[in-house]
């Protein structure tokens, strides 16, 4: 009885992890989409040379993230794409902060 219950719990854990782990590992599209949305807002706010330079850097990183995700061969490539997309998000947030009087 205990072995059967343990087997059921183990089976459920495996089924859940198979659904969750790939979603965590390949989070690139979500991060890229969020970066795109933040950059759209930042474009309207980037008026100074400083914020325009940040916007250019963020766009460059976003392009690299998209390319790296498209050509990813493993977890490291996906992790790099996520890191670049999140850095682009941070730069967009910095533009918003600098644009606020």
C-alpha atoms as a PDB file:
ATOM      1  CA  UNK A   1       0.000   0.000   0.000  1.00  0.00           C
ATOM      2  CA  UNK A   2       2.790   2.423   0.915  1.00  0.00           C
ATOM      3  CA  UNK A   3       4.771   1.483  -2.184  1.00  0.00           C
ATOM      4  CA  UNK A   4       1.729   2.069  -4.372  1.00  0.00           C
ATOM      5  CA  UNK A   5       1.119   5.513  -2.823  1.00  0.00           C
ATOM      6  CA  UNK A   6       4.793   6.416  -3.248  1.00  0.00           C
ATOM      7  CA  UNK A   7       4.641   5.341  -6.880  1.00  0.00           C
ATOM      8  CA  UNK A   8       1.557   7.483  -7.488  1.00  0.00           C
ATOM      9  CA  UNK A   9       3.220  10.515  -5.856  1.00  0.00           C
ATOM     10  CA  UNK A  10       6.395   9.991  -7.869  1.00  0.00           C
ATOM     11  CA  UNK A  11       4.424   9.649 -11.091  1.00  0.00           C
ATOM     12  CA  UNK A  12       2.491  12.846 -10.400  1.00  0.00           C
ATOM     13  CA  UNK A  13       5.719  14.694  -9.566  1.00  0.00           C
ATOM     14  CA  UNK A  14       7.273  13.600 -12.855  1.00  0.00           C
ATOM     15  CA  UNK A  15       4.216  14.590 -14.879  1.00  0.00           C
ATOM     16  CA  UNK A  16       4.135  18.038 -13.255  1.00  0.00           C
ATOM     17  CA  UNK A  17       7.875  18.572 -13.647  1.00  0.00           C
ATOM     18  CA  UNK A  18       7.765  17.650 -17.338  1.00  0.00           C
ATOM     19  CA  UNK A  19       5.265  20.431 -17.855  1.00  0.00           C
ATOM     20  CA  UNK A  20       6.991  23.007 -15.643  1.00  0.00           C
ATOM     21  CA  UNK A  21      10.685  22.505 -16.416  1.00  0.00           C
ATOM     22  CA  UNK A  22      10.489  23.204 -20.142  1.00  0.00           C
ATOM     23  CA  UNK A  23       8.451  26.316 -19.437  1.00  0.00           C
ATOM     24  CA  UNK A  24      11.107  27.553 -17.034  1.00  0.00           C
ATOM     25  CA  UNK A  25      13.993  26.608 -19.299  1.00  0.00           C
ATOM     26  CA  UNK A  26      12.624  28.274 -22.401  1.00  0.00           C
ATOM     27  CA  UNK A  27      11.232  31.492 -20.964  1.00  0.00           C
ATOM     28  CA  UNK A  28      12.800  33.516 -23.778  1.00  0.00           C
ATOM     29  CA  UNK A  29       9.609  34.432 -25.684  1.00  0.00           C
ATOM     30  CA  UNK A  30       7.964  35.835 -22.557  1.00  0.00           C
ATOM     31  CA  UNK A  31      10.998  37.945 -21.642  1.00  0.00           C
ATOM     32  CA  UNK A  32      11.479  39.105 -25.230  1.00  0.00           C
ATOM     33  CA  UNK A  33       7.824  40.143 -25.537  1.00  0.00           C
ATOM     34  CA  UNK A  34       7.984  42.041 -22.262  1.00  0.00           C
ATOM     35  CA  UNK A  35      11.158  43.820 -23.403  1.00  0.00           C
ATOM     36  CA  UNK A  36       9.462  44.774 -26.687  1.00  0.00           C
ATOM     37  CA  UNK A  37       6.501  46.270 -24.829  1.00  0.00           C
ATOM     38  CA  UNK A  38       8.731  48.255 -22.468  1.00  0.00           C
ATOM     39  CA  UNK A  39      10.856  49.509 -25.354  1.00  0.00           C
ATOM     40  CA  UNK A  40       7.779  50.764 -27.207  1.00  0.00           C
ATOM     41  CA  UNK A  41       6.946  52.926 -24.196  1.00  0.00           C
ATOM     42  CA  UNK A  42      10.581  53.976 -23.777  1.00  0.00           C
ATOM     43  CA  UNK A  43      10.774  55.156 -27.407  1.00  0.00           C
ATOM     44  CA  UNK A  44       8.207  57.840 -26.671  1.00  0.00           C
ATOM     45  CA  UNK A  45      10.118  58.934 -23.571  1.00  0.00           C
ATOM     46  CA  UNK A  46      13.665  58.950 -24.982  1.00  0.00           C
ATOM     47  CA  UNK A  47      14.227  62.628 -25.733  1.00  0.00           C
ATOM     48  CA  UNK A  48      17.732  63.365 -24.428  1.00  0.00           C
ATOM     49  CA  UNK A  49      20.989  62.087 -25.940  1.00  0.00           C
ATOM     50  CA  UNK A  50      21.527  60.006 -22.790  1.00  0.00           C
ATOM     51  CA  UNK A  51      18.159  58.250 -23.022  1.00  0.00           C
ATOM     52  CA  UNK A  52      18.491  57.810 -26.795  1.00  0.00           C
ATOM     53  CA  UNK A  53      21.825  56.046 -26.240  1.00  0.00           C
ATOM     54  CA  UNK A  54      20.191  53.766 -23.665  1.00  0.00           C
ATOM     55  CA  UNK A  55      17.377  53.040 -26.115  1.00  0.00           C
ATOM     56  CA  UNK A  56      19.866  52.112 -28.842  1.00  0.00           C
ATOM     57  CA  UNK A  57      21.679  49.765 -26.445  1.00  0.00           C
ATOM     58  CA  UNK A  58      18.392  48.174 -25.340  1.00  0.00           C
ATOM     59  CA  UNK A  59      17.308  47.622 -28.953  1.00  0.00           C
ATOM     60  CA  UNK A  60      20.678  46.046 -29.743  1.00  0.00           C
ATOM     61  CA  UNK A  61      20.370  43.672 -26.789  1.00  0.00           C
ATOM     62  CA  UNK A  62      16.806  42.791 -27.732  1.00  0.00           C
ATOM     63  CA  UNK A  63      17.906  41.942 -31.277  1.00  0.00           C
ATOM     64  CA  UNK A  64      20.682  39.753 -29.892  1.00  0.00           C
ATOM     65  CA  UNK A  65      18.212  38.030 -27.555  1.00  0.00           C
ATOM     66  CA  UNK A  66      15.856  37.269 -30.439  1.00  0.00           C
ATOM     67  CA  UNK A  67      18.686  35.914 -32.563  1.00  0.00           C
ATOM     68  CA  UNK A  68      20.127  33.841 -29.766  1.00  0.00           C
ATOM     69  CA  UNK A  69      16.719  32.364 -28.934  1.00  0.00           C
ATOM     70  CA  UNK A  70      16.120  31.505 -32.591  1.00  0.00           C
ATOM     71  CA  UNK A  71      19.472  29.743 -32.919  1.00  0.00           C
ATOM     72  CA  UNK A  72      19.599  28.242 -29.413  1.00  0.00           C
ATOM     73  CA  UNK A  73      21.094  24.783 -29.147  1.00  0.00           C
ATOM     74  CA  UNK A  74      20.800  24.321 -25.416  1.00  0.00           C
ATOM     75  CA  UNK A  75      19.998  25.768 -22.014  1.00  0.00           C
ATOM     76  CA  UNK A  76      23.023  28.086 -22.023  1.00  0.00           C
ATOM     77  CA  UNK A  77      21.876  29.762 -25.226  1.00  0.00           C
ATOM     78  CA  UNK A  78      18.351  30.210 -23.869  1.00  0.00           C
ATOM     79  CA  UNK A  79      19.723  31.546 -20.582  1.00  0.00           C
ATOM     80  CA  UNK A  80      21.850  34.073 -22.481  1.00  0.00           C
ATOM     81  CA  UNK A  81      18.808  35.167 -24.485  1.00  0.00           C
ATOM     82  CA  UNK A  82      16.777  35.635 -21.296  1.00  0.00           C
ATOM     83  CA  UNK A  83      19.628  37.618 -19.706  1.00  0.00           C
ATOM     84  CA  UNK A  84      19.843  39.944 -22.700  1.00  0.00           C
ATOM     85  CA  UNK A  85      16.070  40.431 -22.816  1.00  0.00           C
ATOM     86  CA  UNK A  86      15.991  41.240 -19.095  1.00  0.00           C
ATOM     87  CA  UNK A  87      18.878  43.684 -19.508  1.00  0.00           C
ATOM     88  CA  UNK A  88      16.927  45.400 -22.308  1.00  0.00           C
ATOM     89  CA  UNK A  89      13.942  45.596 -19.935  1.00  0.00           C
ATOM     90  CA  UNK A  90      16.121  47.197 -17.266  1.00  0.00           C
ATOM     91  CA  UNK A  91      17.417  49.774 -19.736  1.00  0.00           C
ATOM     92  CA  UNK A  92      13.843  50.609 -20.783  1.00  0.00           C
ATOM     93  CA  UNK A  93      12.922  51.090 -17.129  1.00  0.00           C
ATOM     94  CA  UNK A  94      15.964  53.343 -16.689  1.00  0.00           C
ATOM     95  CA  UNK A  95      14.775  55.474 -19.612  1.00  0.00           C
ATOM     96  CA  UNK A  96      11.379  55.812 -17.957  1.00  0.00           C
ATOM     97  CA  UNK A  97      13.021  56.841 -14.685  1.00  0.00           C
ATOM     98  CA  UNK A  98      15.237  59.432 -16.379  1.00  0.00           C
ATOM     99  CA  UNK A  99      12.313  60.839 -18.361  1.00  0.00           C
ATOM    100  CA  UNK A 100      10.283  61.468 -15.220  1.00  0.00           C
ATOM    101  CA  UNK A 101      10.856  65.024 -13.946  1.00  0.00           C
END
